[in-house]
Amino acid sequence: MLTLSAQRSVRSAESVKWLTTERFSGSLRRQISLGDGVDAGKISARYDNGVLSVTIPLAEAAKPRKISVEHDSELRELTAASE
């Protein structure tokens, strides 16, 4: 489970009185189920110019691999997803 939490507050001088605002302020929390096929030790995150980017790599065991299948004395390669 990946949990993202954030807090955004409104910056303002004490002498300023806002009539309206268009930006959200407050707290945010999201939870995302990642499943079994990710490499949790290599998850990384980057925050740049107001954008959060989270990179979640697949585990080596979850990546597709090639296996050889023999059929009628011919050798053929098939791509199979590991389970």
PDB file of N, CA and C in Angstrom:
ATOM      1  N   MET A   1       0.856  -1.170   0.000  1.00  0.00           N
ATOM      2  CA  MET A   1       0.000   0.000   0.000  1.00  0.00           C
ATOM      3  C   MET A   1       0.904   1.235   0.000  1.00  0.00           C
ATOM      4  N   LEU A   2       0.661   2.132  -0.930  1.00  0.00           N
ATOM      5  CA  LEU A   2       1.382   3.407  -0.994  1.00  0.00           C
ATOM      6  C   LEU A   2       0.440   4.485  -0.484  1.00  0.00           C
ATOM      7  N   THR A   3       0.884   5.266   0.495  1.00  0.00           N
ATOM      8  CA  THR A   3       0.072   6.338   1.056  1.00  0.00           C
ATOM      9  C   THR A   3       0.727   7.668   0.752  1.00  0.00           C
ATOM     10  N   LEU A   4      -0.022   8.575   0.126  1.00  0.00           N
ATOM     11  CA  LEU A   4       0.444   9.927  -0.163  1.00  0.00           C
ATOM     12  C   LEU A   4      -0.326  10.892   0.725  1.00  0.00           C
ATOM     13  N   SER A   5       0.409  11.725   1.455  1.00  0.00           N
ATOM     14  CA  SER A   5      -0.215  12.721   2.319  1.00  0.00           C
ATOM     15  C   SER A   5       0.386  14.083   2.013  1.00  0.00           C
ATOM     16  N   ALA A   6      -0.439  15.122   2.037  1.00  0.00           N
ATOM     17  CA  ALA A   6       0.041  16.477   1.765  1.00  0.00           C
ATOM     18  C   ALA A   6      -0.751  17.482   2.595  1.00  0.00           C
ATOM     19  N   GLN A   7      -0.123  18.599   2.860  1.00  0.00           N
ATOM     20  CA  GLN A   7      -0.760  19.699   3.586  1.00  0.00           C
ATOM     21  C   GLN A   7      -0.465  20.975   2.815  1.00  0.00           C
ATOM     22  N   ARG A   8      -1.481  21.728   2.484  1.00  0.00           N
ATOM     23  CA  ARG A   8      -1.315  22.994   1.769  1.00  0.00           C
ATOM     24  C   ARG A   8      -1.981  24.090   2.570  1.00  0.00           C
ATOM     25  N   SER A   9      -1.217  25.135   2.840  1.00  0.00           N
ATOM     26  CA  SER A   9      -1.774  26.259   3.589  1.00  0.00           C
ATOM     27  C   SER A   9      -1.734  27.519   2.724  1.00  0.00           C
ATOM     28  N   VAL A  10      -2.603  28.438   3.030  1.00  0.00           N
ATOM     29  CA  VAL A  10      -2.687  29.688   2.282  1.00  0.00           C
ATOM     30  C   VAL A  10      -1.685  30.669   2.879  1.00  0.00           C
ATOM     31  N   ARG A  11      -0.816  31.203   2.006  1.00  0.00           N
ATOM     32  CA  ARG A  11       0.131  32.215   2.457  1.00  0.00           C
ATOM     33  C   ARG A  11      -0.519  33.574   2.288  1.00  0.00           C
ATOM     34  N   SER A  12      -0.444  34.370   3.325  1.00  0.00           N
ATOM     35  CA  SER A  12      -1.051  35.687   3.225  1.00  0.00           C
ATOM     36  C   SER A  12      -0.507  36.584   4.327  1.00  0.00           C
ATOM     37  N   ALA A  13      -0.385  37.845   4.019  1.00  0.00           N
ATOM     38  CA  ALA A  13       0.038  38.831   5.015  1.00  0.00           C
ATOM     39  C   ALA A  13      -1.133  39.088   5.962  1.00  0.00           C
ATOM     40  N   GLU A  14      -0.834  39.491   7.177  1.00  0.00           N
ATOM     41  CA  GLU A  14      -1.887  39.704   8.171  1.00  0.00           C
ATOM     42  C   GLU A  14      -2.847  40.825   7.764  1.00  0.00           C
ATOM     43  N   SER A  15      -2.376  41.778   6.988  1.00  0.00           N
ATOM     44  CA  SER A  15      -3.220  42.909   6.608  1.00  0.00           C
ATOM     45  C   SER A  15      -4.109  42.618   5.395  1.00  0.00           C
ATOM     46  N   VAL A  16      -3.959  41.455   4.779  1.00  0.00           N
ATOM     47  CA  VAL A  16      -4.729  41.104   3.581  1.00  0.00           C
ATOM     48  C   VAL A  16      -6.001  40.374   3.989  1.00  0.00           C
ATOM     49  N   LYS A  17      -7.123  40.797   3.402  1.00  0.00           N
ATOM     50  CA  LYS A  17      -8.392  40.113   3.614  1.00  0.00           C
ATOM     51  C   LYS A  17      -8.868  39.584   2.263  1.00  0.00           C
ATOM     52  N   TRP A  18      -8.973  38.251   2.142  1.00  0.00           N
ATOM     53  CA  TRP A  18      -9.379  37.622   0.888  1.00  0.00           C
ATOM     54  C   TRP A  18     -10.899  37.634   0.751  1.00  0.00           C
ATOM     55  N   LEU A  19     -11.372  38.006  -0.433  1.00  0.00           N
ATOM     56  CA  LEU A  19     -12.795  37.923  -0.737  1.00  0.00           C
ATOM     57  C   LEU A  19     -13.156  36.557  -1.310  1.00  0.00           C
ATOM     58  N   THR A  20     -12.237  36.012  -2.112  1.00  0.00           N
ATOM     59  CA  THR A  20     -12.425  34.684  -2.694  1.00  0.00           C
ATOM     60  C   THR A  20     -11.063  34.084  -2.985  1.00  0.00           C
ATOM     61  N   THR A  21     -11.018  32.791  -3.086  1.00  0.00           N
ATOM     62  CA  THR A  21      -9.772  32.104  -3.421  1.00  0.00           C
ATOM     63  C   THR A  21     -10.091  30.941  -4.351  1.00  0.00           C
ATOM     64  N   GLU A  22      -9.173  30.622  -5.262  1.00  0.00           N
ATOM     65  CA  GLU A  22      -9.405  29.564  -6.245  1.00  0.00           C
ATOM     66  C   GLU A  22      -8.549  28.334  -5.978  1.00  0.00           C
ATOM     67  N   ARG A  23      -7.699  28.413  -4.984  1.00  0.00           N
ATOM     68  CA  ARG A  23      -6.821  27.282  -4.693  1.00  0.00           C
ATOM     69  C   ARG A  23      -7.280  26.551  -3.447  1.00  0.00           C
ATOM     70  N   PHE A  24      -7.162  25.248  -3.505  1.00  0.00           N
ATOM     71  CA  PHE A  24      -7.526  24.384  -2.390  1.00  0.00           C
ATOM     72  C   PHE A  24      -6.499  24.536  -1.267  1.00  0.00           C
ATOM     73  N   SER A  25      -6.972  24.597  -0.052  1.00  0.00           N
ATOM     74  CA  SER A  25      -6.066  24.552   1.093  1.00  0.00           C
ATOM     75  C   SER A  25      -6.590  23.500   2.059  1.00  0.00           C
ATOM     76  N   GLY A  26      -5.696  22.881   2.778  1.00  0.00           N
ATOM     77  CA  GLY A  26      -6.079  21.828   3.711  1.00  0.00           C
ATOM     78  C   GLY A  26      -5.205  20.611   3.532  1.00  0.00           C
ATOM     79  N   SER A  27      -5.685  19.479   3.994  1.00  0.00           N
ATOM     80  CA  SER A  27      -4.887  18.256   3.911  1.00  0.00           C
ATOM     81  C   SER A  27      -5.478  17.292   2.880  1.00  0.00           C
ATOM     82  N   LEU A  28      -4.610  16.420   2.385  1.00  0.00           N
ATOM     83  CA  LEU A  28      -4.979  15.460   1.353  1.00  0.00           C
ATOM     84  C   LEU A  28      -4.305  14.138   1.701  1.00  0.00           C
ATOM     85  N   ARG A  29      -5.011  13.042   1.506  1.00  0.00           N
ATOM     86  CA  ARG A  29      -4.436  11.719   1.737  1.00  0.00           C
ATOM     87  C   ARG A  29      -5.029  10.743   0.726  1.00  0.00           C
ATOM     88  N   ARG A  30      -4.151  10.035   0.024  1.00  0.00           N
ATOM     89  CA  ARG A  30      -4.573   9.024  -0.946  1.00  0.00           C
ATOM     90  C   ARG A  30      -3.811   7.739  -0.658  1.00  0.00           C
ATOM     91  N   GLN A  31      -4.497   6.600  -0.801  1.00  0.00           N
ATOM     92  CA  GLN A  31      -3.858   5.305  -0.649  1.00  0.00           C
ATOM     93  C   GLN A  31      -4.039   4.514  -1.938  1.00  0.00           C
ATOM     94  N   ILE A  32      -2.946   3.912  -2.394  1.00  0.00           N
ATOM     95  CA  ILE A  32      -2.950   3.161  -3.640  1.00  0.00           C
ATOM     96  C   ILE A  32      -2.408   1.766  -3.355  1.00  0.00           C
ATOM     97  N   SER A  33      -3.154   0.751  -3.742  1.00  0.00           N
ATOM     98  CA  SER A  33      -2.701  -0.634  -3.586  1.00  0.00           C
ATOM     99  C   SER A  33      -1.756  -0.958  -4.742  1.00  0.00           C
ATOM    100  N   LEU A  34      -0.548  -1.400  -4.424  1.00  0.00           N
ATOM    101  CA  LEU A  34       0.464  -1.633  -5.451  1.00  0.00           C
ATOM    102  C   LEU A  34       0.475  -3.061  -5.985  1.00  0.00           C
ATOM    103  N   GLY A  35       0.035  -4.016  -5.231  1.00  0.00           N
ATOM    104  CA  GLY A  35       0.075  -5.398  -5.690  1.00  0.00           C
ATOM    105  C   GLY A  35       1.421  -6.035  -5.387  1.00  0.00           C
ATOM    106  N   ASP A  36       1.623  -7.256  -5.885  1.00  0.00           N
ATOM    107  CA  ASP A  36       2.816  -8.029  -5.559  1.00  0.00           C
ATOM    108  C   ASP A  36       3.949  -7.876  -6.565  1.00  0.00           C
ATOM    109  N   GLY A  37       3.701  -7.317  -7.726  1.00  0.00           N
ATOM    110  CA  GLY A  37       4.707  -7.298  -8.782  1.00  0.00           C
ATOM    111  C   GLY A  37       5.632  -6.104  -8.804  1.00  0.00           C
ATOM    112  N   VAL A  38       5.697  -5.312  -7.726  1.00  0.00           N
ATOM    113  CA  VAL A  38       6.560  -4.132  -7.723  1.00  0.00           C
ATOM    114  C   VAL A  38       7.781  -4.357  -6.845  1.00  0.00           C
ATOM    115  N   ASP A  39       8.835  -3.614  -7.136  1.00  0.00           N
ATOM    116  CA  ASP A  39      10.056  -3.645  -6.334  1.00  0.00           C
ATOM    117  C   ASP A  39       9.980  -2.485  -5.342  1.00  0.00           C
ATOM    118  N   ALA A  40       9.416  -2.753  -4.161  1.00  0.00           N
ATOM    119  CA  ALA A  40       9.151  -1.710  -3.169  1.00  0.00           C
ATOM    120  C   ALA A  40      10.426  -1.003  -2.714  1.00  0.00           C
ATOM    121  N   GLY A  41      11.554  -1.678  -2.753  1.00  0.00           N
ATOM    122  CA  GLY A  41      12.819  -1.070  -2.326  1.00  0.00           C
ATOM    123  C   GLY A  41      13.354  -0.026  -3.287  1.00  0.00           C
ATOM    124  N   LYS A  42      12.832   0.017  -4.504  1.00  0.00           N
ATOM    125  CA  LYS A  42      13.331   0.965  -5.514  1.00  0.00           C
ATOM    126  C   LYS A  42      12.318   2.040  -5.888  1.00  0.00           C
ATOM    127  N   ILE A  43      11.242   2.189  -5.113  1.00  0.00           N
ATOM    128  CA  ILE A  43      10.267   3.253  -5.371  1.00  0.00           C
ATOM    129  C   ILE A  43      10.923   4.593  -5.070  1.00  0.00           C
ATOM    130  N   SER A  44      10.732   5.556  -5.959  1.00  0.00           N
ATOM    131  CA  SER A  44      11.305   6.890  -5.749  1.00  0.00           C
ATOM    132  C   SER A  44      10.246   7.949  -6.043  1.00  0.00           C
ATOM    133  N   ALA A  45      10.448   9.131  -5.477  1.00  0.00           N
ATOM    134  CA  ALA A  45       9.504  10.234  -5.689  1.00  0.00           C
ATOM    135  C   ALA A  45      10.282  11.519  -5.896  1.00  0.00           C
ATOM    136  N   ARG A  46       9.690  12.416  -6.680  1.00  0.00           N
ATOM    137  CA  ARG A  46      10.324  13.701  -6.981  1.00  0.00           C
ATOM    138  C   ARG A  46       9.235  14.766  -7.023  1.00  0.00           C
ATOM    139  N   TYR A  47       9.490  15.910  -6.414  1.00  0.00           N
ATOM    140  CA  TYR A  47       8.554  17.034  -6.414  1.00  0.00           C
ATOM    141  C   TYR A  47       9.233  18.190  -7.113  1.00  0.00           C
ATOM    142  N   ASP A  48       8.676  18.630  -8.246  1.00  0.00           N
ATOM    143  CA  ASP A  48       9.302  19.683  -9.041  1.00  0.00           C
ATOM    144  C   ASP A  48       8.221  20.578  -9.639  1.00  0.00           C
ATOM    145  N   ASN A  49       8.297  21.859  -9.370  1.00  0.00           N
ATOM    146  CA  ASN A  49       7.347  22.845  -9.919  1.00  0.00           C
ATOM    147  C   ASN A  49       5.898  22.502  -9.592  1.00  0.00           C
ATOM    148  N   GLY A  50       5.648  22.005  -8.408  1.00  0.00           N
ATOM    149  CA  GLY A  50       4.285  21.712  -7.990  1.00  0.00           C
ATOM    150  C   GLY A  50       3.752  20.376  -8.468  1.00  0.00           C
ATOM    151  N   VAL A  51       4.601  19.553  -9.092  1.00  0.00           N
ATOM    152  CA  VAL A  51       4.176  18.254  -9.606  1.00  0.00           C
ATOM    153  C   VAL A  51       4.926  17.148  -8.865  1.00  0.00           C
ATOM    154  N   LEU A  52       4.181  16.210  -8.294  1.00  0.00           N
ATOM    155  CA  LEU A  52       4.776  15.048  -7.634  1.00  0.00           C
ATOM    156  C   LEU A  52       4.802  13.890  -8.622  1.00  0.00           C
ATOM    157  N   SER A  53       6.000  13.350  -8.858  1.00  0.00           N
ATOM    158  CA  SER A  53       6.163  12.185  -9.736  1.00  0.00           C
ATOM    159  C   SER A  53       6.658  11.024  -8.897  1.00  0.00           C
ATOM    160  N   VAL A  54       5.941   9.914  -8.934  1.00  0.00           N
ATOM    161  CA  VAL A  54       6.322   8.722  -8.189  1.00  0.00           C
ATOM    162  C   VAL A  54       6.644   7.633  -9.208  1.00  0.00           C
ATOM    163  N   THR A  55       7.843   7.060  -9.103  1.00  0.00           N
ATOM    164  CA  THR A  55       8.277   5.988  -9.992  1.00  0.00           C
ATOM    165  C   THR A  55       8.204   4.676  -9.221  1.00  0.00           C
ATOM    166  N   ILE A  56       7.430   3.726  -9.765  1.00  0.00           N
ATOM    167  CA  ILE A  56       7.222   2.435  -9.114  1.00  0.00           C
ATOM    168  C   ILE A  56       7.685   1.352 -10.096  1.00  0.00           C
ATOM    169  N   PRO A  57       8.921   0.857  -9.943  1.00  0.00           N
ATOM    170  CA  PRO A  57       9.431  -0.136 -10.888  1.00  0.00           C
ATOM    171  C   PRO A  57       8.878  -1.537 -10.621  1.00  0.00           C
ATOM    172  N   LEU A  58       8.784  -2.322 -11.674  1.00  0.00           N
ATOM    173  CA  LEU A  58       8.377  -3.725 -11.550  1.00  0.00           C
ATOM    174  C   LEU A  58       9.530  -4.540 -10.972  1.00  0.00           C
ATOM    175  N   ALA A  59       9.196  -5.554 -10.207  1.00  0.00           N
ATOM    176  CA  ALA A  59      10.202  -6.490  -9.710  1.00  0.00           C
ATOM    177  C   ALA A  59      10.694  -7.340 -10.874  1.00  0.00           C
ATOM    178  N   GLU A  60      11.938  -7.787 -10.806  1.00  0.00           N
ATOM    179  CA  GLU A  60      12.501  -8.605 -11.885  1.00  0.00           C
ATOM    180  C   GLU A  60      11.644  -9.827 -12.161  1.00  0.00           C
ATOM    181  N   ALA A  61      11.118 -10.456 -11.126  1.00  0.00           N
ATOM    182  CA  ALA A  61      10.308 -11.669 -11.302  1.00  0.00           C
ATOM    183  C   ALA A  61       8.988 -11.381 -12.002  1.00  0.00           C
ATOM    184  N   ALA A  62       8.506 -10.150 -11.976  1.00  0.00           N
ATOM    185  CA  ALA A  62       7.217  -9.814 -12.581  1.00  0.00           C
ATOM    186  C   ALA A  62       7.344  -9.388 -14.039  1.00  0.00           C
ATOM    187  N   LYS A  63       8.580  -9.176 -14.523  1.00  0.00           N
ATOM    188  CA  LYS A  63       8.775  -8.727 -15.903  1.00  0.00           C
ATOM    189  C   LYS A  63       8.602  -9.895 -16.869  1.00  0.00           C
ATOM    190  N   PRO A  64       8.125  -9.601 -18.083  1.00  0.00           N
ATOM    191  CA  PRO A  64       7.985 -10.663 -19.091  1.00  0.00           C
ATOM    192  C   PRO A  64       9.352 -11.274 -19.406  1.00  0.00           C
ATOM    193  N   ARG A  65       9.365 -12.554 -19.726  1.00  0.00           N
ATOM    194  CA  ARG A  65      10.615 -13.224 -20.071  1.00  0.00           C
ATOM    195  C   ARG A  65      10.375 -14.148 -21.246  1.00  0.00           C
ATOM    196  N   LYS A  66      11.452 -14.549 -21.893  1.00  0.00           N
ATOM    197  CA  LYS A  66      11.352 -15.464 -23.029  1.00  0.00           C
ATOM    198  C   LYS A  66      11.650 -16.870 -22.566  1.00  0.00           C
ATOM    199  N   ILE A  67      10.836 -17.797 -23.068  1.00  0.00           N
ATOM    200  CA  ILE A  67      11.084 -19.215 -22.807  1.00  0.00           C
ATOM    201  C   ILE A  67      11.046 -19.955 -24.136  1.00  0.00           C
ATOM    202  N   SER A  68      11.739 -21.061 -24.191  1.00  0.00           N
ATOM    203  CA  SER A  68      11.760 -21.872 -25.410  1.00  0.00           C
ATOM    204  C   SER A  68      10.719 -22.973 -25.305  1.00  0.00           C
ATOM    205  N   VAL A  69       9.988 -23.183 -26.416  1.00  0.00           N
ATOM    206  CA  VAL A  69       8.969 -24.228 -26.465  1.00  0.00           C
ATOM    207  C   VAL A  69       9.263 -25.089 -27.684  1.00  0.00           C
ATOM    208  N   GLU A  70       9.393 -26.386 -27.465  1.00  0.00           N
ATOM    209  CA  GLU A  70       9.638 -27.292 -28.586  1.00  0.00           C
ATOM    210  C   GLU A  70       8.317 -27.810 -29.134  1.00  0.00           C
ATOM    211  N   HIS A  71       8.225 -27.819 -30.470  1.00  0.00           N
ATOM    212  CA  HIS A  71       7.007 -28.282 -31.133  1.00  0.00           C
ATOM    213  C   HIS A  71       7.402 -28.902 -32.465  1.00  0.00           C
ATOM    214  N   ASP A  72       6.995 -30.144 -32.694  1.00  0.00           N
ATOM    215  CA  ASP A  72       7.276 -30.849 -33.947  1.00  0.00           C
ATOM    216  C   ASP A  72       8.742 -30.718 -34.351  1.00  0.00           C
ATOM    217  N   SER A  73       9.636 -30.971 -33.408  1.00  0.00           N
ATOM    218  CA  SER A  73      11.088 -30.927 -33.582  1.00  0.00           C
ATOM    219  C   SER A  73      11.610 -29.581 -34.086  1.00  0.00           C
ATOM    220  N   GLU A  74      10.852 -28.505 -33.917  1.00  0.00           N
ATOM    221  CA  GLU A  74      11.337 -27.150 -34.198  1.00  0.00           C
ATOM    222  C   GLU A  74      11.443 -26.402 -32.877  1.00  0.00           C
ATOM    223  N   LEU A  75      12.393 -25.516 -32.769  1.00  0.00           N
ATOM    224  CA  LEU A  75      12.554 -24.721 -31.563  1.00  0.00           C
ATOM    225  C   LEU A  75      12.018 -23.314 -31.842  1.00  0.00           C
ATOM    226  N   ARG A  76      11.037 -22.867 -31.054  1.00  0.00           N
ATOM    227  CA  ARG A  76      10.431 -21.554 -31.256  1.00  0.00           C
ATOM    228  C   ARG A  76      10.499 -20.772 -29.943  1.00  0.00           C
ATOM    229  N   GLU A  77      10.614 -19.460 -30.053  1.00  0.00           N
ATOM    230  CA  GLU A  77      10.640 -18.623 -28.868  1.00  0.00           C
ATOM    231  C   GLU A  77       9.273 -17.962 -28.709  1.00  0.00           C
ATOM    232  N   LEU A  78       8.779 -18.006 -27.518  1.00  0.00           N
ATOM    233  CA  LEU A  78       7.533 -17.350 -27.195  1.00  0.00           C
ATOM    234  C   LEU A  78       7.775 -16.405 -26.017  1.00  0.00           C
ATOM    235  N   THR A  79       7.059 -15.353 -25.973  1.00  0.00           N
ATOM    236  CA  THR A  79       7.138 -14.446 -24.841  1.00  0.00           C
ATOM    237  C   THR A  79       6.013 -14.782 -23.895  1.00  0.00           C
ATOM    238  N   ALA A  80       6.357 -15.020 -22.648  1.00  0.00           N
ATOM    239  CA  ALA A  80       5.362 -15.374 -21.649  1.00  0.00           C
ATOM    240  C   ALA A  80       5.556 -14.484 -20.432  1.00  0.00           C
ATOM    241  N   ALA A  81       4.487 -14.025 -19.878  1.00  0.00           N
ATOM    242  CA  ALA A  81       4.555 -13.232 -18.646  1.00  0.00           C
ATOM    243  C   ALA A  81       4.722 -14.188 -17.488  1.00  0.00           C
ATOM    244  N   SER A  82       5.657 -13.879 -16.593  1.00  0.00           N
ATOM    245  CA  SER A  82       5.841 -14.734 -15.429  1.00  0.00           C
ATOM    246  C   SER A  82       4.724 -14.500 -14.443  1.00  0.00           C
ATOM    247  N   GLU A  83       4.346 -15.529 -13.748  1.00  0.00           N
ATOM    248  CA  GLU A  83       3.253 -15.429 -12.784  1.00  0.00           C
ATOM    249  C   GLU A  83       3.748 -15.750 -11.412  1.00  0.00           C
TER     250      GLU A  83
END
